[in-house]
Amino acid sequence: MPTIGSRDRADAGPLSPTEEADRPAVTAIPADHHPGALLLICDDCGRTHLGDEPATAWHVLWAQAVREGWRGRDRAVGPHHCRHCTG
């Protein structure tokens, strides 16, 4: 499970303003089970998106994610937010 700062988001409440400002943006990272594929991680809850067809190019992964309700910056460095966190 990705960590943000010193707190694990799986069991943590909302971030304080200081924690919010200090947290790093999570990126699209290489996927474990699909060589060359990218995995997108939500900066709020840690949910992941691999897509129906594992994408090896950022713009393909991001287009798939946007179709499924993800929002955020259209760059691999984020921030990115899943449909559950965007409401």
C-alpha atoms as a PDB file:
ATOM      1  CA  MET A   1       0.000   0.000   0.000  1.00  0.00           C
ATOM      2  CA  PRO A   2       1.530   3.355  -0.916  1.00  0.00           C
ATOM      3  CA  THR A   3       2.257   5.703   1.937  1.00  0.00           C
ATOM      4  CA  ILE A   4       1.938   9.440   1.940  1.00  0.00           C
ATOM      5  CA  GLY A   5       4.279  11.162   4.328  1.00  0.00           C
ATOM      6  CA  SER A   6       4.444   9.084   7.496  1.00  0.00           C
ATOM      7  CA  ARG A   7       0.779   7.978   7.451  1.00  0.00           C
ATOM      8  CA  ASP A   8      -0.759   5.035   5.657  1.00  0.00           C
ATOM      9  CA  ARG A   9      -3.875   6.303   3.815  1.00  0.00           C
ATOM     10  CA  ALA A  10      -5.715   2.994   4.268  1.00  0.00           C
ATOM     11  CA  ASP A  11      -6.449   3.725   7.932  1.00  0.00           C
ATOM     12  CA  ALA A  12      -5.850   7.467   8.209  1.00  0.00           C
ATOM     13  CA  GLY A  13      -8.436  10.206   8.360  1.00  0.00           C
ATOM     14  CA  PRO A  14      -8.305  13.424   6.353  1.00  0.00           C
ATOM     15  CA  LEU A  15      -4.933  15.085   6.025  1.00  0.00           C
ATOM     16  CA  SER A  16      -4.199  18.216   8.005  1.00  0.00           C
ATOM     17  CA  PRO A  17      -3.295  21.339   5.963  1.00  0.00           C
ATOM     18  CA  THR A  18       0.389  20.767   6.783  1.00  0.00           C
ATOM     19  CA  GLU A  19       0.265  17.119   5.693  1.00  0.00           C
ATOM     20  CA  GLU A  20      -1.651  18.056   2.534  1.00  0.00           C
ATOM     21  CA  ALA A  21       1.049  20.568   1.562  1.00  0.00           C
ATOM     22  CA  ASP A  22       3.891  18.152   2.367  1.00  0.00           C
ATOM     23  CA  ARG A  23       2.603  15.042   0.615  1.00  0.00           C
ATOM     24  CA  PRO A  24       4.260  14.039  -2.644  1.00  0.00           C
ATOM     25  CA  ALA A  25       2.229  13.423  -5.773  1.00  0.00           C
ATOM     26  CA  VAL A  26       2.002   9.745  -6.610  1.00  0.00           C
ATOM     27  CA  THR A  27       2.939   8.889 -10.170  1.00  0.00           C
ATOM     28  CA  ALA A  28       2.125   6.369 -12.804  1.00  0.00           C
ATOM     29  CA  ILE A  29       4.541   3.538 -12.113  1.00  0.00           C
ATOM     30  CA  PRO A  30       5.529   0.301 -13.884  1.00  0.00           C
ATOM     31  CA  ALA A  31       2.979  -2.475 -13.333  1.00  0.00           C
ATOM     32  CA  ASP A  32       4.091  -5.660 -11.584  1.00  0.00           C
ATOM     33  CA  HIS A  33       2.329  -8.262 -13.732  1.00  0.00           C
ATOM     34  CA  HIS A  34       2.557  -6.651 -17.165  1.00  0.00           C
ATOM     35  CA  PRO A  35       6.109  -5.885 -18.305  1.00  0.00           C
ATOM     36  CA  GLY A  36       6.277  -2.410 -19.783  1.00  0.00           C
ATOM     37  CA  ALA A  37       2.752  -1.466 -18.669  1.00  0.00           C
ATOM     38  CA  LEU A  38       1.979   1.508 -16.439  1.00  0.00           C
ATOM     39  CA  LEU A  39      -0.146   1.564 -13.288  1.00  0.00           C
ATOM     40  CA  LEU A  40      -1.959   4.718 -12.126  1.00  0.00           C
ATOM     41  CA  ILE A  41      -2.370   5.347  -8.376  1.00  0.00           C
ATOM     42  CA  CYS A  42      -4.931   7.670  -6.758  1.00  0.00           C
ATOM     43  CA  ASP A  43      -3.256  10.339  -4.630  1.00  0.00           C
ATOM     44  CA  ASP A  44      -6.136  10.329  -2.150  1.00  0.00           C
ATOM     45  CA  CYS A  45      -6.975   6.695  -1.429  1.00  0.00           C
ATOM     46  CA  GLY A  46      -4.295   4.593  -3.125  1.00  0.00           C
ATOM     47  CA  ARG A  47      -6.678   2.814  -5.532  1.00  0.00           C
ATOM     48  CA  THR A  48      -4.985   1.703  -8.718  1.00  0.00           C
ATOM     49  CA  HIS A  49      -5.937   1.683 -12.383  1.00  0.00           C
ATOM     50  CA  LEU A  50      -4.304  -0.649 -14.895  1.00  0.00           C
ATOM     51  CA  GLY A  51      -6.978  -0.517 -17.577  1.00  0.00           C
ATOM     52  CA  ASP A  52      -8.611  -3.260 -19.635  1.00  0.00           C
ATOM     53  CA  GLU A  53      -5.650  -3.260 -21.987  1.00  0.00           C
ATOM     54  CA  PRO A  54      -2.408  -2.601 -20.077  1.00  0.00           C
ATOM     55  CA  ALA A  55      -0.940   0.623 -21.468  1.00  0.00           C
ATOM     56  CA  THR A  56       2.745   1.151 -22.137  1.00  0.00           C
ATOM     57  CA  ALA A  57       2.330   4.844 -22.982  1.00  0.00           C
ATOM     58  CA  TRP A  58       1.201   7.441 -20.455  1.00  0.00           C
ATOM     59  CA  HIS A  59      -1.312   9.167 -22.760  1.00  0.00           C
ATOM     60  CA  VAL A  60      -3.084   5.841 -23.432  1.00  0.00           C
ATOM     61  CA  LEU A  61      -3.325   4.988 -19.716  1.00  0.00           C
ATOM     62  CA  TRP A  62      -4.588   8.488 -18.863  1.00  0.00           C
ATOM     63  CA  ALA A  63      -7.233   8.406 -21.633  1.00  0.00           C
ATOM     64  CA  GLN A  64      -8.503   5.051 -20.259  1.00  0.00           C
ATOM     65  CA  ALA A  65      -8.566   6.414 -16.715  1.00  0.00           C
ATOM     66  CA  VAL A  66     -10.421   9.616 -17.683  1.00  0.00           C
ATOM     67  CA  ARG A  67     -13.089   7.519 -19.421  1.00  0.00           C
ATOM     68  CA  GLU A  68     -13.519   5.689 -16.095  1.00  0.00           C
ATOM     69  CA  GLY A  69     -13.936   8.906 -14.090  1.00  0.00           C
ATOM     70  CA  TRP A  70     -10.379   9.702 -12.974  1.00  0.00           C
ATOM     71  CA  ARG A  71      -9.423  13.371 -12.729  1.00  0.00           C
ATOM     72  CA  GLY A  72      -6.213  15.288 -12.242  1.00  0.00           C
ATOM     73  CA  ARG A  73      -3.212  16.583 -14.088  1.00  0.00           C
ATOM     74  CA  ASP A  74      -2.611  14.975 -17.465  1.00  0.00           C
ATOM     75  CA  ARG A  75       1.023  14.260 -16.604  1.00  0.00           C
ATOM     76  CA  ALA A  76       2.403  11.045 -15.098  1.00  0.00           C
ATOM     77  CA  VAL A  77       3.726  12.913 -12.040  1.00  0.00           C
ATOM     78  CA  GLY A  78       0.175  13.721 -10.915  1.00  0.00           C
ATOM     79  CA  PRO A  79      -1.733  14.497  -8.911  1.00  0.00           C
ATOM     80  CA  HIS A  80      -4.430  11.983  -9.928  1.00  0.00           C
ATOM     81  CA  HIS A  81      -7.762  11.153  -8.273  1.00  0.00           C
ATOM     82  CA  CYS A  82      -9.994   8.112  -8.859  1.00  0.00           C
ATOM     83  CA  ARG A  83     -13.736   8.351  -9.513  1.00  0.00           C
ATOM     84  CA  HIS A  84     -14.476   7.370  -5.901  1.00  0.00           C
ATOM     85  CA  CYS A  85     -12.483  10.335  -4.567  1.00  0.00           C
ATOM     86  CA  THR A  86     -13.726  12.853  -7.114  1.00  0.00           C
ATOM     87  CA  GLY A  87     -17.231  12.122  -6.059  1.00  0.00           C
END
